[in-house]
């Protein structure tokens, strides 16, 4: 990450880790199991590839994501949230809820909810979406095989 707030404030320290432009959108896509560089760039139109590369390296350095190389020629990698990265789920949910209430035009809300439900179904392997929280509560961990309980 480029600049820091250099303050001992929890909000400033959090922004030092995830406050750069595009970072939250990358985390959003990782929650929805878009794990390759190509998938990440495709779901954030306008994001330069250099920025994506830099943000992924920074997120890996902070321990929020892990990179797994699956091909060396050409170099290909998957990116997944760590437990620390998945712990941002309530933060992401709060941002979604605030955005739906105050930032998104009322006429666009239905379409956005539909897209989120479709993403949740895809992540849940075709299961019916369990509700608004499911996108953040149900995050598959490659090391785990069952759903995380609702809180």
C-alpha atoms as a PDB file:
ATOM      1  CA  UNK A   1       0.000   0.000   0.000  1.00  0.00           C
ATOM      2  CA  UNK A   2       1.331   3.390  -0.907  1.00  0.00           C
ATOM      3  CA  UNK A   3       0.579   5.926   1.823  1.00  0.00           C
ATOM      4  CA  UNK A   4      -0.318   5.303   5.429  1.00  0.00           C
ATOM      5  CA  UNK A   5      -2.224   7.405   7.899  1.00  0.00           C
ATOM      6  CA  UNK A   6       0.503   6.789  10.497  1.00  0.00           C
ATOM      7  CA  UNK A   7      -1.983   7.001  13.369  1.00  0.00           C
ATOM      8  CA  UNK A   8      -2.695   4.663  16.244  1.00  0.00           C
ATOM      9  CA  UNK A   9      -6.413   4.656  15.537  1.00  0.00           C
ATOM     10  CA  UNK A  10      -8.215   1.390  14.647  1.00  0.00           C
ATOM     11  CA  UNK A  11      -9.960   3.001  11.667  1.00  0.00           C
ATOM     12  CA  UNK A  12      -6.732   4.507  10.318  1.00  0.00           C
ATOM     13  CA  UNK A  13      -4.848   1.236  10.836  1.00  0.00           C
ATOM     14  CA  UNK A  14      -7.588  -0.690   8.997  1.00  0.00           C
ATOM     15  CA  UNK A  15      -7.539   1.813   6.142  1.00  0.00           C
ATOM     16  CA  UNK A  16      -3.774   1.353   5.947  1.00  0.00           C
ATOM     17  CA  UNK A  17      -4.482  -2.303   5.082  1.00  0.00           C
ATOM     18  CA  UNK A  18      -7.637  -2.153   2.941  1.00  0.00           C
ATOM     19  CA  UNK A  19      -8.234   1.519   2.184  1.00  0.00           C
ATOM     20  CA  UNK A  20      -6.538   1.837  -1.208  1.00  0.00           C
ATOM     21  CA  UNK A  21      -8.707   2.208  -4.288  1.00  0.00           C
ATOM     22  CA  UNK A  22      -9.890  -1.151  -5.696  1.00  0.00           C
ATOM     23  CA  UNK A  23      -8.851  -3.144  -2.611  1.00  0.00           C
ATOM     24  CA  UNK A  24     -12.366  -3.640  -1.218  1.00  0.00           C
ATOM     25  CA  UNK A  25     -13.611  -4.644  -4.665  1.00  0.00           C
ATOM     26  CA  UNK A  26     -10.868  -7.257  -4.891  1.00  0.00           C
ATOM     27  CA  UNK A  27     -11.856  -8.577  -1.466  1.00  0.00           C
ATOM     28  CA  UNK A  28     -15.524  -8.599  -2.553  1.00  0.00           C
ATOM     29  CA  UNK A  29     -14.652 -10.759  -5.545  1.00  0.00           C
ATOM     30  CA  UNK A  30     -12.569 -13.123  -3.425  1.00  0.00           C
ATOM     31  CA  UNK A  31     -15.569 -13.569  -1.108  1.00  0.00           C
ATOM     32  CA  UNK A  32     -17.507 -14.605  -4.214  1.00  0.00           C
ATOM     33  CA  UNK A  33     -14.749 -17.084  -5.127  1.00  0.00           C
ATOM     34  CA  UNK A  34     -13.405 -15.272  -8.120  1.00  0.00           C
ATOM     35  CA  UNK A  35      -9.896 -16.500  -7.556  1.00  0.00           C
ATOM     36  CA  UNK A  36      -7.820 -15.983 -10.690  1.00  0.00           C
ATOM     37  CA  UNK A  37      -6.218 -12.814 -11.960  1.00  0.00           C
ATOM     38  CA  UNK A  38      -8.407 -12.998 -15.078  1.00  0.00           C
ATOM     39  CA  UNK A  39     -11.630 -13.339 -13.064  1.00  0.00           C
ATOM     40  CA  UNK A  40     -10.654 -10.487 -10.766  1.00  0.00           C
ATOM     41  CA  UNK A  41      -9.834  -8.116 -13.617  1.00  0.00           C
ATOM     42  CA  UNK A  42     -13.033  -9.064 -15.481  1.00  0.00           C
ATOM     43  CA  UNK A  43     -15.251  -8.182 -12.511  1.00  0.00           C
ATOM     44  CA  UNK A  44     -13.722  -4.757 -11.924  1.00  0.00           C
ATOM     45  CA  UNK A  45     -13.914  -2.940 -15.255  1.00  0.00           C
ATOM     46  CA  UNK A  46     -11.475  -0.081 -15.445  1.00  0.00           C
ATOM     47  CA  UNK A  47      -8.979  -1.487 -12.957  1.00  0.00           C
ATOM     48  CA  UNK A  48      -5.484  -1.458 -14.486  1.00  0.00           C
ATOM     49  CA  UNK A  49      -3.696  -4.811 -14.368  1.00  0.00           C
ATOM     50  CA  UNK A  50      -0.686  -3.201 -12.647  1.00  0.00           C
ATOM     51  CA  UNK A  51      -2.954  -1.968  -9.847  1.00  0.00           C
ATOM     52  CA  UNK A  52      -4.501  -5.428  -9.438  1.00  0.00           C
ATOM     53  CA  UNK A  53      -1.070  -7.011  -9.281  1.00  0.00           C
ATOM     54  CA  UNK A  54       0.124  -4.465  -6.695  1.00  0.00           C
ATOM     55  CA  UNK A  55      -3.014  -4.842  -4.557  1.00  0.00           C
ATOM     56  CA  UNK A  56      -2.802  -8.650  -4.592  1.00  0.00           C
ATOM     57  CA  UNK A  57       0.843  -8.502  -3.486  1.00  0.00           C
ATOM     58  CA  UNK A  58      -0.046  -6.056  -0.698  1.00  0.00           C
ATOM     59  CA  UNK A  59      -3.005  -8.157   0.495  1.00  0.00           C
ATOM     60  CA  UNK A  60      -0.784 -11.230   0.529  1.00  0.00           C
ATOM     61  CA  UNK A  61       1.899  -9.366   2.492  1.00  0.00           C
ATOM     62  CA  UNK A  62      -0.666  -8.335   5.126  1.00  0.00           C
ATOM     63  CA  UNK A  63      -1.918 -11.910   5.497  1.00  0.00           C
ATOM     64  CA  UNK A  64      -5.442 -11.275   4.190  1.00  0.00           C
ATOM     65  CA  UNK A  65      -5.024 -13.542   1.166  1.00  0.00           C
ATOM     66  CA  UNK A  66      -2.850 -16.441   0.140  1.00  0.00           C
ATOM     67  CA  UNK A  67      -1.555 -17.121  -3.347  1.00  0.00           C
ATOM     68  CA  UNK A  68      -1.339 -20.677  -4.666  1.00  0.00           C
ATOM     69  CA  UNK A  69       0.612 -21.242  -7.868  1.00  0.00           C
ATOM     70  CA  UNK A  70      -1.000 -23.905 -10.049  1.00  0.00           C
ATOM     71  CA  UNK A  71       1.124 -23.507 -13.205  1.00  0.00           C
ATOM     72  CA  UNK A  72       4.714 -22.388 -13.662  1.00  0.00           C
ATOM     73  CA  UNK A  73       4.730 -22.078 -17.462  1.00  0.00           C
ATOM     74  CA  UNK A  74       3.078 -19.671 -17.858  1.00  0.00           C
ATOM     75  CA  UNK A  75       2.893 -18.557 -14.244  1.00  0.00           C
ATOM     76  CA  UNK A  76      -0.703 -18.926 -12.992  1.00  0.00           C
ATOM     77  CA  UNK A  77      -1.996 -18.539  -9.462  1.00  0.00           C
ATOM     78  CA  UNK A  78      -5.203 -18.684  -7.459  1.00  0.00           C
ATOM     79  CA  UNK A  79      -5.915 -16.266  -4.651  1.00  0.00           C
ATOM     80  CA  UNK A  80      -7.970 -17.133  -1.582  1.00  0.00           C
ATOM     81  CA  UNK A  81      -8.930 -15.350   1.598  1.00  0.00           C
ATOM     82  CA  UNK A  82      -7.155 -16.451   4.758  1.00  0.00           C
ATOM     83  CA  UNK A  83      -8.994 -16.745   8.074  1.00  0.00           C
ATOM     84  CA  UNK A  84      -7.944 -13.158   8.730  1.00  0.00           C
ATOM     85  CA  UNK A  85      -9.355 -12.112   5.352  1.00  0.00           C
ATOM     86  CA  UNK A  86     -12.611 -13.991   5.976  1.00  0.00           C
ATOM     87  CA  UNK A  87     -12.926 -12.186   9.305  1.00  0.00           C
ATOM     88  CA  UNK A  88     -13.735  -9.069   7.254  1.00  0.00           C
ATOM     89  CA  UNK A  89     -17.134 -10.600   6.390  1.00  0.00           C
ATOM     90  CA  UNK A  90     -19.110  -8.480   8.899  1.00  0.00           C
ATOM     91  CA  UNK A  91     -17.345  -5.348   7.646  1.00  0.00           C
ATOM     92  CA  UNK A  92     -18.190  -6.193   4.041  1.00  0.00           C
ATOM     93  CA  UNK A  93     -21.779  -6.959   5.003  1.00  0.00           C
ATOM     94  CA  UNK A  94     -22.087  -3.617   6.797  1.00  0.00           C
ATOM     95  CA  UNK A  95     -20.742  -1.786   3.746  1.00  0.00           C
ATOM     96  CA  UNK A  96     -23.204  -3.634   1.484  1.00  0.00           C
ATOM     97  CA  UNK A  97     -26.126  -2.788   3.757  1.00  0.00           C
ATOM     98  CA  UNK A  98     -25.108   0.860   4.099  1.00  0.00           C
ATOM     99  CA  UNK A  99     -24.561   1.158   0.362  1.00  0.00           C
ATOM    100  CA  UNK A 100     -27.930  -0.395  -0.448  1.00  0.00           C
ATOM    101  CA  UNK A 101     -29.636   2.009   1.945  1.00  0.00           C
ATOM    102  CA  UNK A 102     -27.826   5.266   1.208  1.00  0.00           C
ATOM    103  CA  UNK A 103     -25.637   5.052  -1.909  1.00  0.00           C
ATOM    104  CA  UNK A 104     -27.477   2.916  -4.474  1.00  0.00           C
ATOM    105  CA  UNK A 105     -30.349   4.433  -6.429  1.00  0.00           C
ATOM    106  CA  UNK A 106     -33.663   2.876  -5.355  1.00  0.00           C
ATOM    107  CA  UNK A 107     -34.395   1.770  -8.934  1.00  0.00           C
ATOM    108  CA  UNK A 108     -31.100  -0.163  -9.073  1.00  0.00           C
ATOM    109  CA  UNK A 109     -31.514  -2.070  -5.783  1.00  0.00           C
ATOM    110  CA  UNK A 110     -33.568  -4.939  -7.169  1.00  0.00           C
ATOM    111  CA  UNK A 111     -31.008  -5.706  -9.885  1.00  0.00           C
ATOM    112  CA  UNK A 112     -28.149  -5.591  -7.389  1.00  0.00           C
ATOM    113  CA  UNK A 113     -29.949  -7.913  -4.974  1.00  0.00           C
ATOM    114  CA  UNK A 114     -30.550 -10.331  -7.862  1.00  0.00           C
ATOM    115  CA  UNK A 115     -26.839 -10.319  -8.800  1.00  0.00           C
ATOM    116  CA  UNK A 116     -25.842 -10.939  -5.185  1.00  0.00           C
ATOM    117  CA  UNK A 117     -28.297 -13.851  -4.908  1.00  0.00           C
ATOM    118  CA  UNK A 118     -26.875 -15.357  -8.107  1.00  0.00           C
ATOM    119  CA  UNK A 119     -23.330 -15.018  -6.769  1.00  0.00           C
ATOM    120  CA  UNK A 120     -24.352 -16.603  -3.465  1.00  0.00           C
ATOM    121  CA  UNK A 121     -25.971 -19.526  -5.287  1.00  0.00           C
ATOM    122  CA  UNK A 122     -22.833 -19.997  -7.379  1.00  0.00           C
ATOM    123  CA  UNK A 123     -20.619 -19.950  -4.278  1.00  0.00           C
ATOM    124  CA  UNK A 124     -23.000 -22.284  -2.421  1.00  0.00           C
ATOM    125  CA  UNK A 125     -22.901 -24.795  -5.268  1.00  0.00           C
ATOM    126  CA  UNK A 126     -26.405 -24.094  -6.544  1.00  0.00           C
ATOM    127  CA  UNK A 127     -28.098 -24.114  -3.158  1.00  0.00           C
ATOM    128  CA  UNK A 128     -30.905 -21.658  -2.572  1.00  0.00           C
ATOM    129  CA  UNK A 129     -29.622 -18.390  -1.144  1.00  0.00           C
ATOM    130  CA  UNK A 130     -30.102 -18.398   2.605  1.00  0.00           C
ATOM    131  CA  UNK A 131     -30.806 -14.697   2.896  1.00  0.00           C
ATOM    132  CA  UNK A 132     -29.110 -11.352   2.633  1.00  0.00           C
ATOM    133  CA  UNK A 133     -26.242 -12.275   4.973  1.00  0.00           C
ATOM    134  CA  UNK A 134     -25.351 -15.467   3.138  1.00  0.00           C
ATOM    135  CA  UNK A 135     -22.853 -13.882   0.772  1.00  0.00           C
ATOM    136  CA  UNK A 136     -20.630 -13.015   3.693  1.00  0.00           C
ATOM    137  CA  UNK A 137     -21.478 -15.711   6.232  1.00  0.00           C
ATOM    138  CA  UNK A 138     -21.167 -18.611   3.799  1.00  0.00           C
ATOM    139  CA  UNK A 139     -17.609 -18.349   2.569  1.00  0.00           C
ATOM    140  CA  UNK A 140     -16.064 -21.658   1.609  1.00  0.00           C
ATOM    141  CA  UNK A 141     -12.606 -22.281   2.916  1.00  0.00           C
ATOM    142  CA  UNK A 142     -10.628 -24.662   0.675  1.00  0.00           C
ATOM    143  CA  UNK A 143      -9.526 -26.520   3.832  1.00  0.00           C
ATOM    144  CA  UNK A 144     -13.096 -26.948   5.093  1.00  0.00           C
ATOM    145  CA  UNK A 145     -15.955 -28.901   3.590  1.00  0.00           C
ATOM    146  CA  UNK A 146     -19.057 -27.701   5.442  1.00  0.00           C
ATOM    147  CA  UNK A 147     -20.857 -24.403   5.768  1.00  0.00           C
ATOM    148  CA  UNK A 148     -19.857 -21.881   8.360  1.00  0.00           C
ATOM    149  CA  UNK A 149     -22.657 -21.348  10.881  1.00  0.00           C
ATOM    150  CA  UNK A 150     -24.738 -18.188  10.788  1.00  0.00           C
ATOM    151  CA  UNK A 151     -24.035 -15.756  13.566  1.00  0.00           C
END
